[in-house]
Amino acid sequence: MHVGYAPIFQNLDNELSDREVYAQELRLAEMAEPMGFDSIWESEHHFTDYEMTPDCPTVSLLYGGSNQKSTARLPRRDLPWHKPLRVAENVSLLDHYSKAATS
């Protein structure tokens, strides 16, 4: 069975600064692999405190240094918000760096 973890980067009541939300979620993501998760999934949301992840490849690069076995997963991209060539370039860069981090 494959079990993944999905950080939510959520700050609905603005109780924390954005920096604190990111720090807490990245700290939890660092614990995903030691706790047995096989992957870390990231979803994309714009202009909302519901989930503060407007650029999944960039956030996923942050997982690469701390997780050697688990892989970052991008379930979808909102192409109307991005230029398709730029999405392909970002995902290619993520793929390249994630492999470099594990070798």
PDB file of N, CA and C in Angstrom:
ATOM      1  N   MET A   1       0.837  -1.166   0.000  1.00  0.00           N
ATOM      2  CA  MET A   1       0.000   0.000   0.000  1.00  0.00           C
ATOM      3  C   MET A   1       0.892   1.244   0.000  1.00  0.00           C
ATOM      4  N   HIS A   2       0.529   2.219  -0.790  1.00  0.00           N
ATOM      5  CA  HIS A   2       1.242   3.494  -0.876  1.00  0.00           C
ATOM      6  C   HIS A   2       0.452   4.533  -0.078  1.00  0.00           C
ATOM      7  N   VAL A   3       1.102   5.184   0.869  1.00  0.00           N
ATOM      8  CA  VAL A   3       0.425   6.183   1.702  1.00  0.00           C
ATOM      9  C   VAL A   3       1.159   7.510   1.570  1.00  0.00           C
ATOM     10  N   GLY A   4       0.412   8.548   1.207  1.00  0.00           N
ATOM     11  CA  GLY A   4       1.003   9.869   1.036  1.00  0.00           C
ATOM     12  C   GLY A   4       0.532  10.861   2.090  1.00  0.00           C
ATOM     13  N   TYR A   5       1.268  11.935   2.201  1.00  0.00           N
ATOM     14  CA  TYR A   5       0.965  13.014   3.139  1.00  0.00           C
ATOM     15  C   TYR A   5       0.761  14.299   2.339  1.00  0.00           C
ATOM     16  N   ALA A   6      -0.220  15.104   2.723  1.00  0.00           N
ATOM     17  CA  ALA A   6      -0.497  16.358   2.026  1.00  0.00           C
ATOM     18  C   ALA A   6      -0.528  17.522   3.010  1.00  0.00           C
ATOM     19  N   PRO A   7       0.536  18.332   3.041  1.00  0.00           N
ATOM     20  CA  PRO A   7       0.502  19.536   3.869  1.00  0.00           C
ATOM     21  C   PRO A   7      -0.578  20.485   3.350  1.00  0.00           C
ATOM     22  N   ILE A   8      -1.182  21.245   4.242  1.00  0.00           N
ATOM     23  CA  ILE A   8      -2.286  22.089   3.775  1.00  0.00           C
ATOM     24  C   ILE A   8      -1.987  23.583   3.789  1.00  0.00           C
ATOM     25  N   PHE A   9      -0.954  24.027   4.483  1.00  0.00           N
ATOM     26  CA  PHE A   9      -0.590  25.446   4.490  1.00  0.00           C
ATOM     27  C   PHE A   9      -1.819  26.335   4.687  1.00  0.00           C
ATOM     28  N   GLN A  10      -2.584  26.047   5.714  1.00  0.00           N
ATOM     29  CA  GLN A  10      -3.859  26.716   5.939  1.00  0.00           C
ATOM     30  C   GLN A  10      -3.758  27.715   7.088  1.00  0.00           C
ATOM     31  N   ASN A  11      -4.387  28.876   6.911  1.00  0.00           N
ATOM     32  CA  ASN A  11      -4.370  29.926   7.924  1.00  0.00           C
ATOM     33  C   ASN A  11      -5.703  30.671   7.879  1.00  0.00           C
ATOM     34  N   LEU A  12      -6.790  29.958   8.162  1.00  0.00           N
ATOM     35  CA  LEU A  12      -8.132  30.511   7.978  1.00  0.00           C
ATOM     36  C   LEU A  12      -8.433  31.735   8.827  1.00  0.00           C
ATOM     37  N   ASP A  13      -7.995  31.761  10.058  1.00  0.00           N
ATOM     38  CA  ASP A  13      -8.321  32.881  10.942  1.00  0.00           C
ATOM     39  C   ASP A  13      -7.174  33.870  11.087  1.00  0.00           C
ATOM     40  N   ASN A  14      -6.158  33.727  10.247  1.00  0.00           N
ATOM     41  CA  ASN A  14      -4.986  34.608  10.284  1.00  0.00           C
ATOM     42  C   ASN A  14      -4.385  34.708  11.685  1.00  0.00           C
ATOM     43  N   GLU A  15      -4.353  33.588  12.391  1.00  0.00           N
ATOM     44  CA  GLU A  15      -3.786  33.569  13.742  1.00  0.00           C
ATOM     45  C   GLU A  15      -2.261  33.577  13.712  1.00  0.00           C
ATOM     46  N   LEU A  16      -1.679  33.144  12.611  1.00  0.00           N
ATOM     47  CA  LEU A  16      -0.227  33.084  12.463  1.00  0.00           C
ATOM     48  C   LEU A  16       0.187  33.911  11.249  1.00  0.00           C
ATOM     49  N   SER A  17       1.454  34.281  11.215  1.00  0.00           N
ATOM     50  CA  SER A  17       1.965  34.929  10.004  1.00  0.00           C
ATOM     51  C   SER A  17       2.133  33.855   8.922  1.00  0.00           C
ATOM     52  N   ASP A  18       2.192  34.278   7.678  1.00  0.00           N
ATOM     53  CA  ASP A  18       2.412  33.323   6.594  1.00  0.00           C
ATOM     54  C   ASP A  18       3.718  32.569   6.804  1.00  0.00           C
ATOM     55  N   ARG A  19       4.740  33.257   7.275  1.00  0.00           N
ATOM     56  CA  ARG A  19       6.038  32.624   7.538  1.00  0.00           C
ATOM     57  C   ARG A  19       5.894  31.502   8.568  1.00  0.00           C
ATOM     58  N   GLU A  20       5.105  31.739   9.620  1.00  0.00           N
ATOM     59  CA  GLU A  20       4.900  30.719  10.652  1.00  0.00           C
ATOM     60  C   GLU A  20       4.134  29.520  10.105  1.00  0.00           C
ATOM     61  N   VAL A  21       3.136  29.776   9.267  1.00  0.00           N
ATOM     62  CA  VAL A  21       2.369  28.678   8.659  1.00  0.00           C
ATOM     63  C   VAL A  21       3.299  27.811   7.812  1.00  0.00           C
ATOM     64  N   TYR A  22       4.109  28.436   6.967  1.00  0.00           N
ATOM     65  CA  TYR A  22       5.031  27.674   6.131  1.00  0.00           C
ATOM     66  C   TYR A  22       6.047  26.909   6.982  1.00  0.00           C
ATOM     67  N   ALA A  23       6.586  27.547   8.006  1.00  0.00           N
ATOM     68  CA  ALA A  23       7.568  26.874   8.865  1.00  0.00           C
ATOM     69  C   ALA A  23       6.962  25.644   9.526  1.00  0.00           C
ATOM     70  N   GLN A  24       5.740  25.755  10.035  1.00  0.00           N
ATOM     71  CA  GLN A  24       5.093  24.617  10.689  1.00  0.00           C
ATOM     72  C   GLN A  24       4.810  23.489   9.702  1.00  0.00           C
ATOM     73  N   GLU A  25       4.299  23.839   8.534  1.00  0.00           N
ATOM     74  CA  GLU A  25       3.970  22.798   7.549  1.00  0.00           C
ATOM     75  C   GLU A  25       5.224  22.110   7.025  1.00  0.00           C
ATOM     76  N   LEU A  26       6.289  22.862   6.813  1.00  0.00           N
ATOM     77  CA  LEU A  26       7.528  22.247   6.341  1.00  0.00           C
ATOM     78  C   LEU A  26       8.147  21.361   7.416  1.00  0.00           C
ATOM     79  N   ARG A  27       7.984  21.739   8.669  1.00  0.00           N
ATOM     80  CA  ARG A  27       8.461  20.899   9.774  1.00  0.00           C
ATOM     81  C   ARG A  27       7.689  19.571   9.787  1.00  0.00           C
ATOM     82  N   LEU A  28       6.379  19.637   9.571  1.00  0.00           N
ATOM     83  CA  LEU A  28       5.581  18.403   9.498  1.00  0.00           C
ATOM     84  C   LEU A  28       5.985  17.561   8.290  1.00  0.00           C
ATOM     85  N   ALA A  29       6.250  18.216   7.159  1.00  0.00           N
ATOM     86  CA  ALA A  29       6.653  17.481   5.955  1.00  0.00           C
ATOM     87  C   ALA A  29       7.974  16.764   6.169  1.00  0.00           C
ATOM     88  N   GLU A  30       8.875  17.355   6.944  1.00  0.00           N
ATOM     89  CA  GLU A  30      10.146  16.694   7.255  1.00  0.00           C
ATOM     90  C   GLU A  30       9.925  15.402   8.031  1.00  0.00           C
ATOM     91  N   MET A  31       8.851  15.331   8.789  1.00  0.00           N
ATOM     92  CA  MET A  31       8.565  14.139   9.586  1.00  0.00           C
ATOM     93  C   MET A  31       7.807  13.075   8.793  1.00  0.00           C
ATOM     94  N   ALA A  32       7.347  13.400   7.591  1.00  0.00           N
ATOM     95  CA  ALA A  32       6.537  12.455   6.819  1.00  0.00           C
ATOM     96  C   ALA A  32       7.294  11.163   6.525  1.00  0.00           C
ATOM     97  N   GLU A  33       8.507  11.278   6.048  1.00  0.00           N
ATOM     98  CA  GLU A  33       9.270  10.080   5.691  1.00  0.00           C
ATOM     99  C   GLU A  33       9.604   9.217   6.909  1.00  0.00           C
ATOM    100  N   PRO A  34      10.137   9.802   7.998  1.00  0.00           N
ATOM    101  CA  PRO A  34      10.408   8.957   9.179  1.00  0.00           C
ATOM    102  C   PRO A  34       9.151   8.294   9.739  1.00  0.00           C
ATOM    103  N   MET A  35       7.983   8.863   9.482  1.00  0.00           N
ATOM    104  CA  MET A  35       6.747   8.269   9.984  1.00  0.00           C
ATOM    105  C   MET A  35       6.169   7.233   9.024  1.00  0.00           C
ATOM    106  N   GLY A  36       6.842   7.006   7.888  1.00  0.00           N
ATOM    107  CA  GLY A  36       6.436   5.940   6.985  1.00  0.00           C
ATOM    108  C   GLY A  36       5.641   6.359   5.761  1.00  0.00           C
ATOM    109  N   PHE A  37       5.460   7.648   5.527  1.00  0.00           N
ATOM    110  CA  PHE A  37       4.743   8.081   4.328  1.00  0.00           C
ATOM    111  C   PHE A  37       5.617   7.875   3.102  1.00  0.00           C
ATOM    112  N   ASP A  38       5.004   7.491   1.988  1.00  0.00           N
ATOM    113  CA  ASP A  38       5.736   7.214   0.756  1.00  0.00           C
ATOM    114  C   ASP A  38       5.878   8.423  -0.150  1.00  0.00           C
ATOM    115  N   SER A  39       5.010   9.399   0.016  1.00  0.00           N
ATOM    116  CA  SER A  39       5.055  10.570  -0.852  1.00  0.00           C
ATOM    117  C   SER A  39       4.474  11.773  -0.131  1.00  0.00           C
ATOM    118  N   ILE A  40       4.775  12.936  -0.689  1.00  0.00           N
ATOM    119  CA  ILE A  40       4.207  14.187  -0.202  1.00  0.00           C
ATOM    120  C   ILE A  40       3.491  14.821  -1.394  1.00  0.00           C
ATOM    121  N   TRP A  41       2.217  15.042  -1.238  1.00  0.00           N
ATOM    122  CA  TRP A  41       1.392  15.608  -2.307  1.00  0.00           C
ATOM    123  C   TRP A  41       1.189  17.093  -2.079  1.00  0.00           C
ATOM    124  N   GLU A  42       1.184  17.838  -3.127  1.00  0.00           N
ATOM    125  CA  GLU A  42       0.976  19.275  -3.027  1.00  0.00           C
ATOM    126  C   GLU A  42      -0.135  19.692  -3.976  1.00  0.00           C
ATOM    127  N   SER A  43      -1.025  20.521  -3.507  1.00  0.00           N
ATOM    128  CA  SER A  43      -2.082  21.042  -4.379  1.00  0.00           C
ATOM    129  C   SER A  43      -1.921  22.545  -4.502  1.00  0.00           C
ATOM    130  N   GLU A  44      -2.542  23.087  -5.514  1.00  0.00           N
ATOM    131  CA  GLU A  44      -2.364  24.493  -5.851  1.00  0.00           C
ATOM    132  C   GLU A  44      -3.627  25.298  -5.533  1.00  0.00           C
ATOM    133  N   HIS A  45      -3.441  26.398  -4.844  1.00  0.00           N
ATOM    134  CA  HIS A  45      -4.542  27.322  -4.548  1.00  0.00           C
ATOM    135  C   HIS A  45      -4.030  28.747  -4.662  1.00  0.00           C
ATOM    136  N   HIS A  46      -4.880  29.633  -5.163  1.00  0.00           N
ATOM    137  CA  HIS A  46      -4.510  31.025  -5.368  1.00  0.00           C
ATOM    138  C   HIS A  46      -5.446  31.964  -4.614  1.00  0.00           C
ATOM    139  N   PHE A  47      -4.882  33.017  -4.073  1.00  0.00           N
ATOM    140  CA  PHE A  47      -5.639  34.139  -3.507  1.00  0.00           C
ATOM    141  C   PHE A  47      -6.572  33.735  -2.368  1.00  0.00           C
ATOM    142  N   THR A  48      -6.119  32.815  -1.519  1.00  0.00           N
ATOM    143  CA  THR A  48      -6.964  32.375  -0.418  1.00  0.00           C
ATOM    144  C   THR A  48      -6.111  31.905   0.754  1.00  0.00           C
ATOM    145  N   ASP A  49      -6.647  32.041   1.959  1.00  0.00           N
ATOM    146  CA  ASP A  49      -5.977  31.491   3.134  1.00  0.00           C
ATOM    147  C   ASP A  49      -6.373  30.040   3.357  1.00  0.00           C
ATOM    148  N   TYR A  50      -7.287  29.523   2.506  1.00  0.00           N
ATOM    149  CA  TYR A  50      -7.707  28.133   2.619  1.00  0.00           C
ATOM    150  C   TYR A  50      -6.512  27.204   2.451  1.00  0.00           C
ATOM    151  N   GLU A  51      -5.668  27.529   1.520  1.00  0.00           N
ATOM    152  CA  GLU A  51      -4.428  26.785   1.298  1.00  0.00           C
ATOM    153  C   GLU A  51      -3.480  27.702   0.536  1.00  0.00           C
ATOM    154  N   MET A  52      -2.350  28.016   1.138  1.00  0.00           N
ATOM    155  CA  MET A  52      -1.447  29.029   0.592  1.00  0.00           C
ATOM    156  C   MET A  52      -0.306  28.407  -0.202  1.00  0.00           C
ATOM    157  N   THR A  53      -0.625  27.790  -1.325  1.00  0.00           N
ATOM    158  CA  THR A  53       0.405  27.174  -2.169  1.00  0.00           C
ATOM    159  C   THR A  53       0.154  27.535  -3.629  1.00  0.00           C
ATOM    160  N   PRO A  54       0.572  28.732  -4.049  1.00  0.00           N
ATOM    161  CA  PRO A  54       0.332  29.130  -5.425  1.00  0.00           C
ATOM    162  C   PRO A  54       1.307  28.526  -6.434  1.00  0.00           C
ATOM    163  N   ASP A  55       2.434  27.981  -5.982  1.00  0.00           N
ATOM    164  CA  ASP A  55       3.410  27.421  -6.913  1.00  0.00           C
ATOM    165  C   ASP A  55       3.943  26.092  -6.372  1.00  0.00           C
ATOM    166  N   CYS A  56       3.301  25.015  -6.766  1.00  0.00           N
ATOM    167  CA  CYS A  56       3.617  23.683  -6.236  1.00  0.00           C
ATOM    168  C   CYS A  56       5.055  23.238  -6.486  1.00  0.00           C
ATOM    169  N   PRO A  57       5.616  23.418  -7.689  1.00  0.00           N
ATOM    170  CA  PRO A  57       6.998  22.959  -7.869  1.00  0.00           C
ATOM    171  C   PRO A  57       7.980  23.636  -6.915  1.00  0.00           C
ATOM    172  N   THR A  58       7.797  24.919  -6.660  1.00  0.00           N
ATOM    173  CA  THR A  58       8.700  25.610  -5.744  1.00  0.00           C
ATOM    174  C   THR A  58       8.580  25.053  -4.337  1.00  0.00           C
ATOM    175  N   VAL A  59       7.361  24.860  -3.866  1.00  0.00           N
ATOM    176  CA  VAL A  59       7.155  24.308  -2.528  1.00  0.00           C
ATOM    177  C   VAL A  59       7.685  22.877  -2.479  1.00  0.00           C
ATOM    178  N   SER A  60       7.470  22.107  -3.533  1.00  0.00           N
ATOM    179  CA  SER A  60       7.932  20.721  -3.557  1.00  0.00           C
ATOM    180  C   SER A  60       9.449  20.624  -3.509  1.00  0.00           C
ATOM    181  N   LEU A  61      10.155  21.605  -4.060  1.00  0.00           N
ATOM    182  CA  LEU A  61      11.616  21.594  -3.980  1.00  0.00           C
ATOM    183  C   LEU A  61      12.089  21.662  -2.531  1.00  0.00           C
ATOM    184  N   LEU A  62      11.302  22.303  -1.676  1.00  0.00           N
ATOM    185  CA  LEU A  62      11.675  22.391  -0.269  1.00  0.00           C
ATOM    186  C   LEU A  62      11.643  21.022   0.413  1.00  0.00           C
ATOM    187  N   TYR A  63      10.848  20.100  -0.103  1.00  0.00           N
ATOM    188  CA  TYR A  63      10.763  18.764   0.492  1.00  0.00           C
ATOM    189  C   TYR A  63      11.965  17.903   0.124  1.00  0.00           C
ATOM    190  N   GLY A  64      12.556  18.153  -1.025  1.00  0.00           N
ATOM    191  CA  GLY A  64      13.605  17.291  -1.549  1.00  0.00           C
ATOM    192  C   GLY A  64      14.808  17.134  -0.644  1.00  0.00           C
ATOM    193  N   GLY A  65      15.227  18.195   0.032  1.00  0.00           N
ATOM    194  CA  GLY A  65      16.413  18.122   0.860  1.00  0.00           C
ATOM    195  C   GLY A  65      16.239  17.302   2.118  1.00  0.00           C
ATOM    196  N   SER A  66      15.011  17.193   2.611  1.00  0.00           N
ATOM    197  CA  SER A  66      14.814  16.506   3.886  1.00  0.00           C
ATOM    198  C   SER A  66      14.243  15.099   3.719  1.00  0.00           C
ATOM    199  N   ASN A  67      13.777  14.759   2.553  1.00  0.00           N
ATOM    200  CA  ASN A  67      13.174  13.439   2.340  1.00  0.00           C
ATOM    201  C   ASN A  67      13.925  12.723   1.233  1.00  0.00           C
ATOM    202  N   GLN A  68      14.563  11.619   1.576  1.00  0.00           N
ATOM    203  CA  GLN A  68      15.363  10.884   0.609  1.00  0.00           C
ATOM    204  C   GLN A  68      14.573   9.797  -0.120  1.00  0.00           C
ATOM    205  N   LYS A  69      13.613   9.178   0.544  1.00  0.00           N
ATOM    206  CA  LYS A  69      12.866   8.077  -0.062  1.00  0.00           C
ATOM    207  C   LYS A  69      11.510   8.531  -0.586  1.00  0.00           C
ATOM    208  N   SER A  70      10.823   9.351   0.174  1.00  0.00           N
ATOM    209  CA  SER A  70       9.499   9.789  -0.259  1.00  0.00           C
ATOM    210  C   SER A  70       9.654  10.805  -1.383  1.00  0.00           C
ATOM    211  N   THR A  71       8.703  10.835  -2.269  1.00  0.00           N
ATOM    212  CA  THR A  71       8.775  11.704  -3.429  1.00  0.00           C
ATOM    213  C   THR A  71       7.691  12.769  -3.374  1.00  0.00           C
ATOM    214  N   ALA A  72       7.995  13.920  -3.949  1.00  0.00           N
ATOM    215  CA  ALA A  72       7.015  14.994  -4.038  1.00  0.00           C
ATOM    216  C   ALA A  72       6.091  14.701  -5.216  1.00  0.00           C
ATOM    217  N   ARG A  73       4.809  14.882  -5.017  1.00  0.00           N
ATOM    218  CA  ARG A  73       3.816  14.625  -6.065  1.00  0.00           C
ATOM    219  C   ARG A  73       3.009  15.882  -6.331  1.00  0.00           C
ATOM    220  N   LEU A  74       2.753  16.137  -7.588  1.00  0.00           N
ATOM    221  CA  LEU A  74       1.925  17.274  -7.984  1.00  0.00           C
ATOM    222  C   LEU A  74       0.654  16.737  -8.618  1.00  0.00           C
ATOM    223  N   PRO A  75      -0.462  16.743  -7.897  1.00  0.00           N
ATOM    224  CA  PRO A  75      -1.667  16.136  -8.437  1.00  0.00           C
ATOM    225  C   PRO A  75      -2.268  16.877  -9.620  1.00  0.00           C
ATOM    226  N   ARG A  76      -2.101  18.187  -9.673  1.00  0.00           N
ATOM    227  CA  ARG A  76      -2.661  18.937 -10.798  1.00  0.00           C
ATOM    228  C   ARG A  76      -2.026  20.312 -10.842  1.00  0.00           C
ATOM    229  N   ARG A  77      -2.163  20.969 -11.981  1.00  0.00           N
ATOM    230  CA  ARG A  77      -1.757  22.372 -12.124  1.00  0.00           C
ATOM    231  C   ARG A  77      -2.933  23.120 -12.736  1.00  0.00           C
ATOM    232  N   ASP A  78      -3.160  24.317 -12.279  1.00  0.00           N
ATOM    233  CA  ASP A  78      -4.224  25.160 -12.834  1.00  0.00           C
ATOM    234  C   ASP A  78      -3.671  25.900 -14.040  1.00  0.00           C
ATOM    235  N   LEU A  79      -3.746  25.273 -15.215  1.00  0.00           N
ATOM    236  CA  LEU A  79      -3.123  25.852 -16.406  1.00  0.00           C
ATOM    237  C   LEU A  79      -3.666  27.231 -16.785  1.00  0.00           C
ATOM    238  N   PRO A  80      -4.932  27.560 -16.532  1.00  0.00           N
ATOM    239  CA  PRO A  80      -5.356  28.928 -16.865  1.00  0.00           C
ATOM    240  C   PRO A  80      -4.579  30.005 -16.099  1.00  0.00           C
ATOM    241  N   TRP A  81      -3.982  29.647 -14.968  1.00  0.00           N
ATOM    242  CA  TRP A  81      -3.205  30.609 -14.186  1.00  0.00           C
ATOM    243  C   TRP A  81      -1.740  30.644 -14.624  1.00  0.00           C
ATOM    244  N   HIS A  82      -1.325  29.714 -15.469  1.00  0.00           N
ATOM    245  CA  HIS A  82       0.082  29.589 -15.839  1.00  0.00           C
ATOM    246  C   HIS A  82       0.225  29.405 -17.340  1.00  0.00           C
ATOM    247  N   LYS A  83       1.386  29.778 -17.844  1.00  0.00           N
ATOM    248  CA  LYS A  83       1.712  29.501 -19.243  1.00  0.00           C
ATOM    249  C   LYS A  83       2.188  28.050 -19.324  1.00  0.00           C
ATOM    250  N   PRO A  84       1.618  27.255 -20.233  1.00  0.00           N
ATOM    251  CA  PRO A  84       1.969  25.824 -20.297  1.00  0.00           C
ATOM    252  C   PRO A  84       3.466  25.550 -20.427  1.00  0.00           C
ATOM    253  N   LEU A  85       4.173  26.338 -21.216  1.00  0.00           N
ATOM    254  CA  LEU A  85       5.612  26.113 -21.364  1.00  0.00           C
ATOM    255  C   LEU A  85       6.336  26.351 -20.038  1.00  0.00           C
ATOM    256  N   ARG A  86       5.886  27.348 -19.291  1.00  0.00           N
ATOM    257  CA  ARG A  86       6.493  27.625 -17.984  1.00  0.00           C
ATOM    258  C   ARG A  86       6.219  26.479 -17.004  1.00  0.00           C
ATOM    259  N   VAL A  87       5.026  25.900 -17.060  1.00  0.00           N
ATOM    260  CA  VAL A  87       4.697  24.753 -16.205  1.00  0.00           C
ATOM    261  C   VAL A  87       5.623  23.588 -16.535  1.00  0.00           C
ATOM    262  N   ALA A  88       5.792  23.305 -17.827  1.00  0.00           N
ATOM    263  CA  ALA A  88       6.672  22.211 -18.239  1.00  0.00           C
ATOM    264  C   ALA A  88       8.102  22.462 -17.769  1.00  0.00           C
ATOM    265  N   GLU A  89       8.559  23.693 -17.863  1.00  0.00           N
ATOM    266  CA  GLU A  89       9.903  24.042 -17.422  1.00  0.00           C
ATOM    267  C   GLU A  89      10.053  23.859 -15.908  1.00  0.00           C
ATOM    268  N   ASN A  90       9.080  24.312 -15.142  1.00  0.00           N
ATOM    269  CA  ASN A  90       9.141  24.179 -13.685  1.00  0.00           C
ATOM    270  C   ASN A  90       9.111  22.727 -13.238  1.00  0.00           C
ATOM    271  N   VAL A  91       8.263  21.930 -13.853  1.00  0.00           N
ATOM    272  CA  VAL A  91       8.171  20.516 -13.480  1.00  0.00           C
ATOM    273  C   VAL A  91       9.458  19.783 -13.877  1.00  0.00           C
ATOM    274  N   SER A  92      10.018  20.142 -15.022  1.00  0.00           N
ATOM    275  CA  SER A  92      11.286  19.547 -15.439  1.00  0.00           C
ATOM    276  C   SER A  92      12.401  19.902 -14.455  1.00  0.00           C
ATOM    277  N   LEU A  93      12.425  21.139 -13.996  1.00  0.00           N
ATOM    278  CA  LEU A  93      13.421  21.566 -13.021  1.00  0.00           C
ATOM    279  C   LEU A  93      13.240  20.832 -11.701  1.00  0.00           C
ATOM    280  N   LEU A  94      11.998  20.681 -11.270  1.00  0.00           N
ATOM    281  CA  LEU A  94      11.713  19.927 -10.048  1.00  0.00           C
ATOM    282  C   LEU A  94      12.206  18.494 -10.181  1.00  0.00           C
ATOM    283  N   ASP A  95      11.932  17.873 -11.322  1.00  0.00           N
ATOM    284  CA  ASP A  95      12.374  16.502 -11.558  1.00  0.00           C
ATOM    285  C   ASP A  95      13.904  16.413 -11.487  1.00  0.00           C
ATOM    286  N   HIS A  96      14.571  17.339 -12.125  1.00  0.00           N
ATOM    287  CA  HIS A  96      16.044  17.351 -12.144  1.00  0.00           C
ATOM    288  C   HIS A  96      16.608  17.524 -10.740  1.00  0.00           C
ATOM    289  N   TYR A  97      16.126  18.501  -9.999  1.00  0.00           N
ATOM    290  CA  TYR A  97      16.658  18.767  -8.667  1.00  0.00           C
ATOM    291  C   TYR A  97      16.317  17.667  -7.672  1.00  0.00           C
ATOM    292  N   SER A  98      15.136  17.071  -7.794  1.00  0.00           N
ATOM    293  CA  SER A  98      14.785  16.017  -6.849  1.00  0.00           C
ATOM    294  C   SER A  98      15.678  14.790  -7.060  1.00  0.00           C
ATOM    295  N   LYS A  99      16.057  14.505  -8.293  1.00  0.00           N
ATOM    296  CA  LYS A  99      16.967  13.391  -8.546  1.00  0.00           C
ATOM    297  C   LYS A  99      18.373  13.726  -8.083  1.00  0.00           C
ATOM    298  N   ALA A 100      18.795  14.977  -8.241  1.00  0.00           N
ATOM    299  CA  ALA A 100      20.130  15.393  -7.804  1.00  0.00           C
ATOM    300  C   ALA A 100      20.244  15.332  -6.284  1.00  0.00           C
ATOM    301  N   ALA A 101      19.139  15.627  -5.581  1.00  0.00           N
ATOM    302  CA  ALA A 101      19.172  15.620  -4.127  1.00  0.00           C
ATOM    303  C   ALA A 101      19.294  14.218  -3.557  1.00  0.00           C
ATOM    304  N   THR A 102      18.856  13.212  -4.300  1.00  0.00           N
ATOM    305  CA  THR A 102      18.884  11.837  -3.788  1.00  0.00           C
ATOM    306  C   THR A 102      20.085  11.048  -4.271  1.00  0.00           C
ATOM    307  N   SER A 103      20.929  11.652  -5.107  1.00  0.00           N
ATOM    308  CA  SER A 103      22.088  10.886  -5.605  1.00  0.00           C
ATOM    309  C   SER A 103      23.343  11.242  -4.868  1.00  0.00           C
TER     310      SER A 103
END
